[in-house]
ModelCIF file with pLDDT and N, C-alpha, C, O atoms, coordinates in Angstrom:
data_MODEL
#
_entry.id   MODEL 
#
_entity.id                         1 
_entity.type                       polymer 
_entity.pdbx_number_of_molecules   1 
#
_entity_poly.entity_id                      1 
_entity_poly.type                           'polypeptide(L)' 
_entity_poly.nstd_linkage                   no 
_entity_poly.nstd_monomer                   no 
_entity_poly.pdbx_seq_one_letter_code       LAKVVIATKQHLAALVPSGPALVLNLLRWGDEVKTLDGLDLPPA 
_entity_poly.pdbx_seq_one_letter_code_can   LAKVVIATKQHLAALVPSGPALVLNLLRWGDEVKTLDGLDLPPA 
_entity_poly.pdbx_strand_id                 A 
#
loop_
_entity_poly_seq.entity_id 
_entity_poly_seq.num 
_entity_poly_seq.mon_id 
_entity_poly_seq.hetero 
1 1  LEU n 
1 2  ALA n 
1 3  LYS n 
1 4  VAL n 
1 5  VAL n 
1 6  ILE n 
1 7  ALA n 
1 8  THR n 
1 9  LYS n 
1 10 GLN n 
1 11 HIS n 
1 12 LEU n 
1 13 ALA n 
1 14 ALA n 
1 15 LEU n 
1 16 VAL n 
1 17 PRO n 
1 18 SER n 
1 19 GLY n 
1 20 PRO n 
1 21 ALA n 
1 22 LEU n 
1 23 VAL n 
1 24 LEU n 
1 25 ASN n 
1 26 LEU n 
1 27 LEU n 
1 28 ARG n 
1 29 TRP n 
1 30 GLY n 
1 31 ASP n 
1 32 GLU n 
1 33 VAL n 
1 34 LYS n 
1 35 THR n 
1 36 LEU n 
1 37 ASP n 
1 38 GLY n 
1 39 LEU n 
1 40 ASP n 
1 41 LEU n 
1 42 PRO n 
1 43 PRO n 
1 44 ALA n 
#
_struct_asym.id          A 
_struct_asym.entity_id   1 
#
loop_
_ma_qa_metric.id 
_ma_qa_metric.mode 
_ma_qa_metric.name 
_ma_qa_metric.software_group_id 
_ma_qa_metric.type 
1 global pLDDT . pLDDT 
2 local  pLDDT . pLDDT 
#
_ma_qa_metric_global.metric_id      1 
_ma_qa_metric_global.metric_value   88.18 
_ma_qa_metric_global.model_id       1 
_ma_qa_metric_global.ordinal_id     1 
#
loop_
_ma_qa_metric_local.label_asym_id 
_ma_qa_metric_local.label_comp_id 
_ma_qa_metric_local.label_seq_id 
_ma_qa_metric_local.metric_id 
_ma_qa_metric_local.metric_value 
_ma_qa_metric_local.model_id 
_ma_qa_metric_local.ordinal_id 
A LEU 1  2 93.00 1 1  
A ALA 2  2 92.00 1 2  
A LYS 3  2 91.00 1 3  
A VAL 4  2 91.00 1 4  
A VAL 5  2 87.00 1 5  
A ILE 6  2 85.00 1 6  
A ALA 7  2 79.00 1 7  
A THR 8  2 75.00 1 8  
A LYS 9  2 83.00 1 9  
A GLN 10 2 87.00 1 10 
A HIS 11 2 89.00 1 11 
A LEU 12 2 92.00 1 12 
A ALA 13 2 93.00 1 13 
A ALA 14 2 95.00 1 14 
A LEU 15 2 95.00 1 15 
A VAL 16 2 95.00 1 16 
A PRO 17 2 95.00 1 17 
A SER 18 2 93.00 1 18 
A GLY 19 2 93.00 1 19 
A PRO 20 2 95.00 1 20 
A ALA 21 2 94.00 1 21 
A LEU 22 2 95.00 1 22 
A VAL 23 2 94.00 1 23 
A LEU 24 2 94.00 1 24 
A ASN 25 2 94.00 1 25 
A LEU 26 2 93.00 1 26 
A LEU 27 2 93.00 1 27 
A ARG 28 2 91.00 1 28 
A TRP 29 2 89.00 1 29 
A GLY 30 2 87.00 1 30 
A ASP 31 2 87.00 1 31 
A GLU 32 2 87.00 1 32 
A VAL 33 2 88.00 1 33 
A LYS 34 2 86.00 1 34 
A THR 35 2 85.00 1 35 
A LEU 36 2 84.00 1 36 
A ASP 37 2 85.00 1 37 
A GLY 38 2 81.00 1 38 
A LEU 39 2 81.00 1 39 
A ASP 40 2 80.00 1 40 
A LEU 41 2 78.00 1 41 
A PRO 42 2 80.00 1 42 
A PRO 43 2 79.00 1 43 
A ALA 44 2 77.00 1 44 
#
loop_
_atom_site.group_PDB 
_atom_site.id 
_atom_site.type_symbol 
_atom_site.label_atom_id 
_atom_site.label_alt_id 
_atom_site.label_comp_id 
_atom_site.label_asym_id 
_atom_site.label_entity_id 
_atom_site.label_seq_id 
_atom_site.pdbx_PDB_ins_code 
_atom_site.Cartn_x 
_atom_site.Cartn_y 
_atom_site.Cartn_z 
_atom_site.occupancy 
_atom_site.B_iso_or_equiv 
_atom_site.pdbx_formal_charge 
_atom_site.auth_seq_id 
_atom_site.auth_comp_id 
_atom_site.auth_asym_id 
_atom_site.auth_atom_id 
_atom_site.pdbx_PDB_model_num 
ATOM 1   N N  . LEU A 1 1  ? 120.187 24.580 45.990 1.00 93.00 ? 1  LEU A N  1 
ATOM 2   C CA . LEU A 1 1  ? 119.096 23.844 45.347 1.00 93.00 ? 1  LEU A CA 1 
ATOM 3   C C  . LEU A 1 1  ? 119.433 23.762 43.860 1.00 93.00 ? 1  LEU A C  1 
ATOM 4   O O  . LEU A 1 1  ? 119.541 24.787 43.186 1.00 93.00 ? 1  LEU A O  1 
ATOM 5   N N  . ALA A 1 2  ? 119.597 22.539 43.352 1.00 92.00 ? 2  ALA A N  1 
ATOM 6   C CA . ALA A 1 2  ? 120.163 22.363 42.013 1.00 92.00 ? 2  ALA A CA 1 
ATOM 7   C C  . ALA A 1 2  ? 119.345 21.385 41.181 1.00 92.00 ? 2  ALA A C  1 
ATOM 8   O O  . ALA A 1 2  ? 118.523 20.628 41.698 1.00 92.00 ? 2  ALA A O  1 
ATOM 9   N N  . LYS A 1 3  ? 119.597 21.426 39.869 1.00 91.00 ? 3  LYS A N  1 
ATOM 10  C CA . LYS A 1 3  ? 119.072 20.425 38.949 1.00 91.00 ? 3  LYS A CA 1 
ATOM 11  C C  . LYS A 1 3  ? 120.256 19.657 38.379 1.00 91.00 ? 3  LYS A C  1 
ATOM 12  O O  . LYS A 1 3  ? 121.301 20.235 38.078 1.00 91.00 ? 3  LYS A O  1 
ATOM 13  N N  . VAL A 1 4  ? 120.074 18.326 38.232 1.00 91.00 ? 4  VAL A N  1 
ATOM 14  C CA . VAL A 1 4  ? 121.145 17.483 37.715 1.00 91.00 ? 4  VAL A CA 1 
ATOM 15  C C  . VAL A 1 4  ? 120.517 16.340 36.932 1.00 91.00 ? 4  VAL A C  1 
ATOM 16  O O  . VAL A 1 4  ? 119.450 15.843 37.293 1.00 91.00 ? 4  VAL A O  1 
ATOM 17  N N  . VAL A 1 5  ? 121.181 15.924 35.859 1.00 87.00 ? 5  VAL A N  1 
ATOM 18  C CA . VAL A 1 5  ? 120.726 14.792 35.063 1.00 87.00 ? 5  VAL A CA 1 
ATOM 19  C C  . VAL A 1 5  ? 121.643 13.611 35.332 1.00 87.00 ? 5  VAL A C  1 
ATOM 20  O O  . VAL A 1 5  ? 122.852 13.698 35.115 1.00 87.00 ? 5  VAL A O  1 
ATOM 21  N N  . ILE A 1 6  ? 121.074 12.507 35.806 1.00 85.00 ? 6  ILE A N  1 
ATOM 22  C CA . ILE A 1 6  ? 121.823 11.278 36.070 1.00 85.00 ? 6  ILE A CA 1 
ATOM 23  C C  . ILE A 1 6  ? 121.115 10.134 35.350 1.00 85.00 ? 6  ILE A C  1 
ATOM 24  O O  . ILE A 1 6  ? 119.936 9.873  35.589 1.00 85.00 ? 6  ILE A O  1 
ATOM 25  N N  . ALA A 1 7  ? 121.848 9.456  34.468 1.00 79.00 ? 7  ALA A N  1 
ATOM 26  C CA . ALA A 1 7  ? 121.300 8.308  33.734 1.00 79.00 ? 7  ALA A CA 1 
ATOM 27  C C  . ALA A 1 7  ? 120.010 8.670  33.017 1.00 79.00 ? 7  ALA A C  1 
ATOM 28  O O  . ALA A 1 7  ? 119.010 7.963  33.144 1.00 79.00 ? 7  ALA A O  1 
ATOM 29  N N  . THR A 1 8  ? 120.023 9.755  32.271 1.00 75.00 ? 8  THR A N  1 
ATOM 30  C CA . THR A 1 8  ? 118.925 10.257 31.434 1.00 75.00 ? 8  THR A CA 1 
ATOM 31  C C  . THR A 1 8  ? 117.745 10.817 32.225 1.00 75.00 ? 8  THR A C  1 
ATOM 32  O O  . THR A 1 8  ? 116.769 11.265 31.623 1.00 75.00 ? 8  THR A O  1 
ATOM 33  N N  . LYS A 1 9  ? 117.806 10.803 33.543 1.00 83.00 ? 9  LYS A N  1 
ATOM 34  C CA . LYS A 1 9  ? 116.693 11.305 34.348 1.00 83.00 ? 9  LYS A CA 1 
ATOM 35  C C  . LYS A 1 9  ? 117.092 12.581 35.061 1.00 83.00 ? 9  LYS A C  1 
ATOM 36  O O  . LYS A 1 9  ? 118.147 12.654 35.692 1.00 83.00 ? 9  LYS A O  1 
ATOM 37  N N  . GLN A 1 10 ? 116.227 13.596 34.953 1.00 87.00 ? 10 GLN A N  1 
ATOM 38  C CA . GLN A 1 10 ? 116.511 14.853 35.628 1.00 87.00 ? 10 GLN A CA 1 
ATOM 39  C C  . GLN A 1 10 ? 116.012 14.802 37.065 1.00 87.00 ? 10 GLN A C  1 
ATOM 40  O O  . GLN A 1 10 ? 114.924 14.296 37.342 1.00 87.00 ? 10 GLN A O  1 
ATOM 41  N N  . HIS A 1 11 ? 116.825 15.334 37.977 1.00 89.00 ? 11 HIS A N  1 
ATOM 42  C CA . HIS A 1 11 ? 116.499 15.342 39.392 1.00 89.00 ? 11 HIS A CA 1 
ATOM 43  C C  . HIS A 1 11 ? 116.606 16.751 39.960 1.00 89.00 ? 11 HIS A C  1 
ATOM 44  O O  . HIS A 1 11 ? 117.408 17.566 39.505 1.00 89.00 ? 11 HIS A O  1 
ATOM 45  N N  . LEU A 1 12 ? 115.788 17.012 40.951 1.00 92.00 ? 12 LEU A N  1 
ATOM 46  C CA . LEU A 1 12 ? 115.992 18.158 41.824 1.00 92.00 ? 12 LEU A CA 1 
ATOM 47  C C  . LEU A 1 12 ? 116.872 17.662 42.960 1.00 92.00 ? 12 LEU A C  1 
ATOM 48  O O  . LEU A 1 12 ? 116.692 16.537 43.424 1.00 92.00 ? 12 LEU A O  1 
ATOM 49  N N  . ALA A 1 13 ? 117.824 18.477 43.421 1.00 93.00 ? 13 ALA A N  1 
ATOM 50  C CA . ALA A 1 13 ? 118.766 18.007 44.428 1.00 93.00 ? 13 ALA A CA 1 
ATOM 51  C C  . ALA A 1 13 ? 119.177 19.147 45.346 1.00 93.00 ? 13 ALA A C  1 
ATOM 52  O O  . ALA A 1 13 ? 119.115 20.322 44.983 1.00 93.00 ? 13 ALA A O  1 
ATOM 53  N N  . ALA A 1 14 ? 119.599 18.763 46.550 1.00 95.00 ? 14 ALA A N  1 
ATOM 54  C CA . ALA A 1 14 ? 120.117 19.722 47.519 1.00 95.00 ? 14 ALA A CA 1 
ATOM 55  C C  . ALA A 1 14 ? 121.600 19.448 47.712 1.00 95.00 ? 14 ALA A C  1 
ATOM 56  O O  . ALA A 1 14 ? 121.996 18.319 48.002 1.00 95.00 ? 14 ALA A O  1 
ATOM 57  N N  . LEU A 1 15 ? 122.419 20.483 47.551 1.00 95.00 ? 15 LEU A N  1 
ATOM 58  C CA . LEU A 1 15 ? 123.849 20.373 47.770 1.00 95.00 ? 15 LEU A CA 1 
ATOM 59  C C  . LEU A 1 15 ? 124.139 20.871 49.184 1.00 95.00 ? 15 LEU A C  1 
ATOM 60  O O  . LEU A 1 15 ? 123.994 22.060 49.470 1.00 95.00 ? 15 LEU A O  1 
ATOM 61  N N  . VAL A 1 16 ? 124.548 19.961 50.066 1.00 95.00 ? 16 VAL A N  1 
ATOM 62  C CA . VAL A 1 16 ? 124.612 20.234 51.504 1.00 95.00 ? 16 VAL A CA 1 
ATOM 63  C C  . VAL A 1 16 ? 126.028 19.993 52.035 1.00 95.00 ? 16 VAL A C  1 
ATOM 64  O O  . VAL A 1 16 ? 126.605 18.942 51.756 1.00 95.00 ? 16 VAL A O  1 
ATOM 65  N N  . PRO A 1 17 ? 126.603 20.928 52.789 1.00 95.00 ? 17 PRO A N  1 
ATOM 66  C CA . PRO A 1 17 ? 127.900 20.671 53.422 1.00 95.00 ? 17 PRO A CA 1 
ATOM 67  C C  . PRO A 1 17 ? 127.726 19.692 54.588 1.00 95.00 ? 17 PRO A C  1 
ATOM 68  O O  . PRO A 1 17 ? 126.800 19.822 55.388 1.00 95.00 ? 17 PRO A O  1 
ATOM 69  N N  . SER A 1 18 ? 128.629 18.713 54.671 1.00 93.00 ? 18 SER A N  1 
ATOM 70  C CA . SER A 1 18 ? 128.562 17.718 55.739 1.00 93.00 ? 18 SER A CA 1 
ATOM 71  C C  . SER A 1 18 ? 129.986 17.362 56.141 1.00 93.00 ? 18 SER A C  1 
ATOM 72  O O  . SER A 1 18 ? 130.615 16.510 55.513 1.00 93.00 ? 18 SER A O  1 
ATOM 73  N N  . GLY A 1 19 ? 130.502 18.014 57.195 1.00 93.00 ? 19 GLY A N  1 
ATOM 74  C CA . GLY A 1 19 ? 131.889 17.797 57.570 1.00 93.00 ? 19 GLY A CA 1 
ATOM 75  C C  . GLY A 1 19 ? 132.798 18.264 56.455 1.00 93.00 ? 19 GLY A C  1 
ATOM 76  O O  . GLY A 1 19 ? 132.631 19.376 55.953 1.00 93.00 ? 19 GLY A O  1 
ATOM 77  N N  . PRO A 1 20 ? 133.765 17.437 56.049 1.00 95.00 ? 20 PRO A N  1 
ATOM 78  C CA . PRO A 1 20 ? 134.683 17.842 54.980 1.00 95.00 ? 20 PRO A CA 1 
ATOM 79  C C  . PRO A 1 20 ? 134.095 17.677 53.583 1.00 95.00 ? 20 PRO A C  1 
ATOM 80  O O  . PRO A 1 20 ? 134.726 18.064 52.599 1.00 95.00 ? 20 PRO A O  1 
ATOM 81  N N  . ALA A 1 21 ? 132.899 17.109 53.483 1.00 94.00 ? 21 ALA A N  1 
ATOM 82  C CA . ALA A 1 21 ? 132.329 16.777 52.176 1.00 94.00 ? 21 ALA A CA 1 
ATOM 83  C C  . ALA A 1 21 ? 131.141 17.662 51.828 1.00 94.00 ? 21 ALA A C  1 
ATOM 84  O O  . ALA A 1 21 ? 130.517 18.283 52.688 1.00 94.00 ? 21 ALA A O  1 
ATOM 85  N N  . LEU A 1 22 ? 130.856 17.694 50.533 1.00 95.00 ? 22 LEU A N  1 
ATOM 86  C CA . LEU A 1 22 ? 129.576 18.189 50.046 1.00 95.00 ? 22 LEU A CA 1 
ATOM 87  C C  . LEU A 1 22 ? 128.752 16.965 49.671 1.00 95.00 ? 22 LEU A C  1 
ATOM 88  O O  . LEU A 1 22 ? 129.249 16.052 49.013 1.00 95.00 ? 22 LEU A O  1 
ATOM 89  N N  . VAL A 1 23 ? 127.498 16.949 50.091 1.00 94.00 ? 23 VAL A N  1 
ATOM 90  C CA . VAL A 1 23 ? 126.609 15.834 49.800 1.00 94.00 ? 23 VAL A CA 1 
ATOM 91  C C  . VAL A 1 23 ? 125.505 16.322 48.872 1.00 94.00 ? 23 VAL A C  1 
ATOM 92  O O  . VAL A 1 23 ? 124.852 17.330 49.145 1.00 94.00 ? 23 VAL A O  1 
ATOM 93  N N  . LEU A 1 24 ? 125.305 15.609 47.788 1.00 94.00 ? 24 LEU A N  1 
ATOM 94  C CA . LEU A 1 24 ? 124.206 15.908 46.869 1.00 94.00 ? 24 LEU A CA 1 
ATOM 95  C C  . LEU A 1 24 ? 123.069 14.961 47.206 1.00 94.00 ? 24 LEU A C  1 
ATOM 96  O O  . LEU A 1 24 ? 123.166 13.761 46.948 1.00 94.00 ? 24 LEU A O  1 
ATOM 97  N N  . ASN A 1 25 ? 121.995 15.483 47.777 1.00 94.00 ? 25 ASN A N  1 
ATOM 98  C CA . ASN A 1 25 ? 120.853 14.651 48.159 1.00 94.00 ? 25 ASN A CA 1 
ATOM 99  C C  . ASN A 1 25 ? 119.742 14.850 47.145 1.00 94.00 ? 25 ASN A C  1 
ATOM 100 O O  . ASN A 1 25 ? 119.158 15.930 47.057 1.00 94.00 ? 25 ASN A O  1 
ATOM 101 N N  . LEU A 1 26 ? 119.448 13.798 46.374 1.00 93.00 ? 26 LEU A N  1 
ATOM 102 C CA . LEU A 1 26 ? 118.356 13.891 45.407 1.00 93.00 ? 26 LEU A CA 1 
ATOM 103 C C  . LEU A 1 26 ? 117.047 14.100 46.147 1.00 93.00 ? 26 LEU A C  1 
ATOM 104 O O  . LEU A 1 26 ? 116.810 13.508 47.200 1.00 93.00 ? 26 LEU A O  1 
ATOM 105 N N  . LEU A 1 27 ? 116.198 14.953 45.580 1.00 93.00 ? 27 LEU A N  1 
ATOM 106 C CA . LEU A 1 27 ? 114.930 15.294 46.215 1.00 93.00 ? 27 LEU A CA 1 
ATOM 107 C C  . LEU A 1 27 ? 113.759 14.788 45.383 1.00 93.00 ? 27 LEU A C  1 
ATOM 108 O O  . LEU A 1 27 ? 113.866 14.609 44.170 1.00 93.00 ? 27 LEU A O  1 
ATOM 109 N N  . ARG A 1 28 ? 112.659 14.566 46.050 1.00 91.00 ? 28 ARG A N  1 
ATOM 110 C CA . ARG A 1 28 ? 111.421 14.293 45.320 1.00 91.00 ? 28 ARG A CA 1 
ATOM 111 C C  . ARG A 1 28 ? 110.889 15.618 44.772 1.00 91.00 ? 28 ARG A C  1 
ATOM 112 O O  . ARG A 1 28 ? 111.016 16.662 45.412 1.00 91.00 ? 28 ARG A O  1 
ATOM 113 N N  . TRP A 1 29 ? 110.294 15.561 43.584 1.00 89.00 ? 29 TRP A N  1 
ATOM 114 C CA . TRP A 1 29 ? 109.678 16.753 43.026 1.00 89.00 ? 29 TRP A CA 1 
ATOM 115 C C  . TRP A 1 29 ? 108.445 17.119 43.849 1.00 89.00 ? 29 TRP A C  1 
ATOM 116 O O  . TRP A 1 29 ? 107.872 16.277 44.541 1.00 89.00 ? 29 TRP A O  1 
ATOM 117 N N  . GLY A 1 30 ? 108.052 18.375 43.762 1.00 87.00 ? 30 GLY A N  1 
ATOM 118 C CA . GLY A 1 30 ? 106.928 18.847 44.575 1.00 87.00 ? 30 GLY A CA 1 
ATOM 119 C C  . GLY A 1 30 ? 105.657 18.046 44.381 1.00 87.00 ? 30 GLY A C  1 
ATOM 120 O O  . GLY A 1 30 ? 104.928 17.803 45.344 1.00 87.00 ? 30 GLY A O  1 
ATOM 121 N N  . ASP A 1 31 ? 105.369 17.620 43.125 1.00 87.00 ? 31 ASP A N  1 
ATOM 122 C CA . ASP A 1 31 ? 104.126 16.880 42.883 1.00 87.00 ? 31 ASP A CA 1 
ATOM 123 C C  . ASP A 1 31 ? 104.242 15.403 43.249 1.00 87.00 ? 31 ASP A C  1 
ATOM 124 O O  . ASP A 1 31 ? 103.283 14.650 43.080 1.00 87.00 ? 31 ASP A O  1 
ATOM 125 N N  . GLU A 1 32 ? 105.413 14.977 43.752 1.00 87.00 ? 32 GLU A N  1 
ATOM 126 C CA . GLU A 1 32 ? 105.586 13.596 44.196 1.00 87.00 ? 32 GLU A CA 1 
ATOM 127 C C  . GLU A 1 32 ? 105.343 13.437 45.694 1.00 87.00 ? 32 GLU A C  1 
ATOM 128 O O  . GLU A 1 32 ? 105.271 12.318 46.202 1.00 87.00 ? 32 GLU A O  1 
ATOM 129 N N  . VAL A 1 33 ? 105.219 14.541 46.385 1.00 88.00 ? 33 VAL A N  1 
ATOM 130 C CA . VAL A 1 33 ? 104.977 14.499 47.832 1.00 88.00 ? 33 VAL A CA 1 
ATOM 131 C C  . VAL A 1 33 ? 103.513 14.849 48.087 1.00 88.00 ? 33 VAL A C  1 
ATOM 132 O O  . VAL A 1 33 ? 103.036 15.909 47.680 1.00 88.00 ? 33 VAL A O  1 
ATOM 133 N N  . LYS A 1 34 ? 102.815 13.956 48.756 1.00 86.00 ? 34 LYS A N  1 
ATOM 134 C CA . LYS A 1 34 ? 101.395 14.173 49.016 1.00 86.00 ? 34 LYS A CA 1 
ATOM 135 C C  . LYS A 1 34 ? 101.190 15.265 50.062 1.00 86.00 ? 34 LYS A C  1 
ATOM 136 O O  . LYS A 1 34 ? 102.022 15.465 50.947 1.00 86.00 ? 34 LYS A O  1 
ATOM 137 N N  . THR A 1 35 ? 100.071 15.962 49.943 1.00 85.00 ? 35 THR A N  1 
ATOM 138 C CA . THR A 1 35 ? 99.735  16.985 50.928 1.00 85.00 ? 35 THR A CA 1 
ATOM 139 C C  . THR A 1 35 ? 99.143  16.323 52.170 1.00 85.00 ? 35 THR A C  1 
ATOM 140 O O  . THR A 1 35 ? 98.912  15.115 52.194 1.00 85.00 ? 35 THR A O  1 
ATOM 141 N N  . LEU A 1 36 ? 98.905  17.124 53.187 1.00 84.00 ? 36 LEU A N  1 
ATOM 142 C CA . LEU A 1 36 ? 98.308  16.620 54.433 1.00 84.00 ? 36 LEU A CA 1 
ATOM 143 C C  . LEU A 1 36 ? 96.787  16.576 54.371 1.00 84.00 ? 36 LEU A C  1 
ATOM 144 O O  . LEU A 1 36 ? 96.128  16.205 55.343 1.00 84.00 ? 36 LEU A O  1 
ATOM 145 N N  . ASP A 1 37 ? 96.234  16.955 53.227 1.00 85.00 ? 37 ASP A N  1 
ATOM 146 C CA . ASP A 1 37 ? 94.772  16.984 53.086 1.00 85.00 ? 37 ASP A CA 1 
ATOM 147 C C  . ASP A 1 37 ? 94.188  15.598 53.352 1.00 85.00 ? 37 ASP A C  1 
ATOM 148 O O  . ASP A 1 37 ? 94.698  14.590 52.864 1.00 85.00 ? 37 ASP A O  1 
ATOM 149 N N  . GLY A 1 38 ? 93.133  15.568 54.118 1.00 81.00 ? 38 GLY A N  1 
ATOM 150 C CA . GLY A 1 38 ? 92.443  14.314 54.402 1.00 81.00 ? 38 GLY A CA 1 
ATOM 151 C C  . GLY A 1 38 ? 92.940  13.607 55.643 1.00 81.00 ? 38 GLY A C  1 
ATOM 152 O O  . GLY A 1 38 ? 92.335  12.627 56.077 1.00 81.00 ? 38 GLY A O  1 
ATOM 153 N N  . LEU A 1 39 ? 94.046  14.088 56.233 1.00 81.00 ? 39 LEU A N  1 
ATOM 154 C CA . LEU A 1 39 ? 94.546  13.473 57.460 1.00 81.00 ? 39 LEU A CA 1 
ATOM 155 C C  . LEU A 1 39 ? 93.912  14.161 58.667 1.00 81.00 ? 39 LEU A C  1 
ATOM 156 O O  . LEU A 1 39 ? 93.821  15.387 58.725 1.00 81.00 ? 39 LEU A O  1 
ATOM 157 N N  . ASP A 1 40 ? 93.484  13.362 59.612 1.00 80.00 ? 40 ASP A N  1 
ATOM 158 C CA . ASP A 1 40 ? 92.849  13.903 60.826 1.00 80.00 ? 40 ASP A CA 1 
ATOM 159 C C  . ASP A 1 40 ? 93.937  14.225 61.841 1.00 80.00 ? 40 ASP A C  1 
ATOM 160 O O  . ASP A 1 40 ? 94.252  13.408 62.707 1.00 80.00 ? 40 ASP A O  1 
ATOM 161 N N  . LEU A 1 41 ? 94.509  15.423 61.728 1.00 78.00 ? 41 LEU A N  1 
ATOM 162 C CA . LEU A 1 41 ? 95.631  15.815 62.586 1.00 78.00 ? 41 LEU A CA 1 
ATOM 163 C C  . LEU A 1 41 ? 95.182  16.870 63.587 1.00 78.00 ? 41 LEU A C  1 
ATOM 164 O O  . LEU A 1 41 ? 94.392  17.750 63.245 1.00 78.00 ? 41 LEU A O  1 
ATOM 165 N N  . PRO A 1 42 ? 95.676  16.792 64.820 1.00 80.00 ? 42 PRO A N  1 
ATOM 166 C CA . PRO A 1 42 ? 95.335  17.829 65.807 1.00 80.00 ? 42 PRO A CA 1 
ATOM 167 C C  . PRO A 1 42 ? 96.028  19.138 65.437 1.00 80.00 ? 42 PRO A C  1 
ATOM 168 O O  . PRO A 1 42 ? 97.109  19.115 64.848 1.00 80.00 ? 42 PRO A O  1 
ATOM 169 N N  . PRO A 1 43 ? 95.428  20.269 65.771 1.00 79.00 ? 43 PRO A N  1 
ATOM 170 C CA . PRO A 1 43 ? 96.049  21.568 65.472 1.00 79.00 ? 43 PRO A CA 1 
ATOM 171 C C  . PRO A 1 43 ? 97.424  21.680 66.110 1.00 79.00 ? 43 PRO A C  1 
ATOM 172 O O  . PRO A 1 43 ? 97.679  21.101 67.166 1.00 79.00 ? 43 PRO A O  1 
ATOM 173 N N  . ALA A 1 44 ? 98.314  22.435 65.456 1.00 77.00 ? 44 ALA A N  1 
ATOM 174 C CA . ALA A 1 44 ? 99.666  22.600 65.960 1.00 77.00 ? 44 ALA A CA 1 
ATOM 175 C C  . ALA A 1 44 ? 99.763  23.820 66.859 1.00 77.00 ? 44 ALA A C  1 
ATOM 176 O O  . ALA A 1 44 ? 100.838 24.118 67.380 1.00 77.00 ? 44 ALA A O  1 
#
């Protein structure tokens, strides 16, 4: 789990092994992902 700056913007990212490569997958920040509050979901 890493931080990286690309084109003046800071990102949270996941560095993941994928076959012969390492893949850097940019992540959404925690406050950019909505919670499940207000959704009528059946219990798990």
